[in-house]
Amino acid sequence: AISAASEGARLAAAHDRGLPEGEARTRDLLEASVGGLPAKVDAATATVGGAEAVVVEVEVPVPVFGLWGVGAIHVQAHALKEVHRG
């Protein structure tokens, strides 16, 4: 979940990409890694140290017995928004 959130944040922060693309990339990576577990993915902009950034949050249930879990993993990834100067 951590690497999926990080990759989604980096993609969404690219100067020619946006939040929907970052969310979609995160979902694709989660589907490939955790299969059919329901994942909640949210992407938003934020300010980090005075710079515009993208934040991707992921929540995935923790399976204990098969697909039944008792909790969830919550991760958050940040990437600074690229600025195109050309």
Protein backbone atom coordinates (compact mmCIF):
# COMPACT_ATOMS: atom_id res chain seq x y z
CA ALA A 1 0.00 0.00 0.00
CA ILE A 2 2.88 2.36 0.74
CA SER A 3 4.51 1.97 -2.66
CA ALA A 4 1.15 2.27 -4.45
CA ALA A 5 0.36 5.52 -2.64
CA SER A 6 3.84 6.89 -3.35
CA GLU A 7 3.65 6.05 -7.04
CA GLY A 8 0.18 7.59 -7.31
CA ALA A 9 1.33 10.79 -5.60
CA ARG A 10 4.36 11.10 -7.90
CA LEU A 11 2.21 10.63 -10.99
CA ALA A 12 -0.43 13.13 -9.85
CA ALA A 13 2.31 15.66 -9.05
CA ALA A 14 3.76 15.59 -12.58
CA HIS A 15 3.20 18.88 -14.40
CA ASP A 16 1.12 17.28 -17.16
CA ARG A 17 -0.94 14.96 -14.91
CA GLY A 18 -3.65 15.35 -12.29
CA LEU A 19 -5.31 13.90 -9.21
CA PRO A 20 -7.61 11.48 -11.10
CA GLU A 21 -4.61 9.89 -12.83
CA GLY A 22 -2.78 9.51 -9.53
CA GLU A 23 -5.81 7.89 -7.90
CA ALA A 24 -6.26 5.53 -10.86
CA ARG A 25 -2.58 4.50 -10.80
CA THR A 26 -2.79 3.85 -7.06
CA ARG A 27 -5.91 1.70 -7.51
CA ASP A 28 -4.26 -0.28 -10.34
CA LEU A 29 -1.20 -1.02 -8.20
CA LEU A 30 -3.34 -2.00 -5.21
CA GLU A 31 -5.43 -4.33 -7.37
CA ALA A 32 -2.24 -6.02 -8.58
CA SER A 33 -0.86 -6.40 -5.04
CA VAL A 34 -3.82 -7.02 -2.72
CA GLY A 35 -6.30 -8.44 -5.20
CA GLY A 36 -9.96 -8.08 -4.41
CA LEU A 37 -9.63 -6.35 -1.05
CA PRO A 38 -11.67 -3.14 -1.02
CA ALA A 39 -9.33 -0.16 -0.89
CA LYS A 40 -10.22 3.46 -0.23
CA VAL A 41 -8.04 5.89 -2.23
CA ASP A 42 -8.19 9.68 -1.98
CA ALA A 43 -5.92 12.26 -3.64
CA ALA A 44 -5.83 15.95 -2.81
CA THR A 45 -3.56 18.96 -3.01
CA ALA A 46 -1.86 20.41 0.05
CA THR A 47 0.87 22.84 0.99
CA VAL A 48 4.10 21.35 2.32
CA GLY A 49 6.78 23.78 3.44
CA GLY A 50 5.18 26.54 1.38
CA ALA A 51 5.15 24.46 -1.81
CA GLU A 52 2.16 22.89 -3.57
CA ALA A 53 2.06 19.13 -3.11
CA VAL A 54 -0.13 16.11 -3.77
CA VAL A 55 -1.26 13.83 -0.95
CA VAL A 56 -2.55 10.33 -1.67
CA GLU A 57 -4.22 8.46 1.20
CA VAL A 58 -4.91 4.73 1.09
CA GLU A 59 -6.88 2.55 3.48
CA VAL A 60 -6.86 -1.22 2.96
CA PRO A 61 -8.36 -3.86 5.28
CA VAL A 62 -5.93 -6.24 6.95
CA PRO A 63 -6.85 -9.85 6.18
CA VAL A 64 -6.48 -12.23 9.12
CA PHE A 65 -8.38 -15.31 7.96
CA GLY A 66 -8.79 -15.29 4.20
CA LEU A 67 -10.65 -12.11 3.34
CA TRP A 68 -11.95 -11.36 6.86
CA GLY A 69 -10.00 -8.72 8.70
CA VAL A 70 -10.11 -6.96 12.03
CA GLY A 71 -8.55 -3.65 11.06
CA ALA A 72 -7.07 -1.60 8.29
CA ILE A 73 -3.76 -0.18 7.12
CA HIS A 74 -3.84 3.57 6.56
CA VAL A 75 -0.96 5.15 4.64
CA GLN A 76 -0.33 8.62 3.27
CA ALA A 77 2.18 9.64 0.58
CA HIS A 78 3.26 13.14 -0.46
CA ALA A 79 4.93 14.45 -3.61
CA LEU A 80 5.80 18.04 -4.48
CA LYS A 81 3.90 19.35 -7.50
CA GLU A 82 6.15 19.83 -10.54
CA VAL A 83 6.31 23.33 -11.96
CA HIS A 84 6.69 23.57 -15.73
CA ARG A 85 8.83 26.54 -16.71
CA GLY A 86 8.86 26.40 -20.44
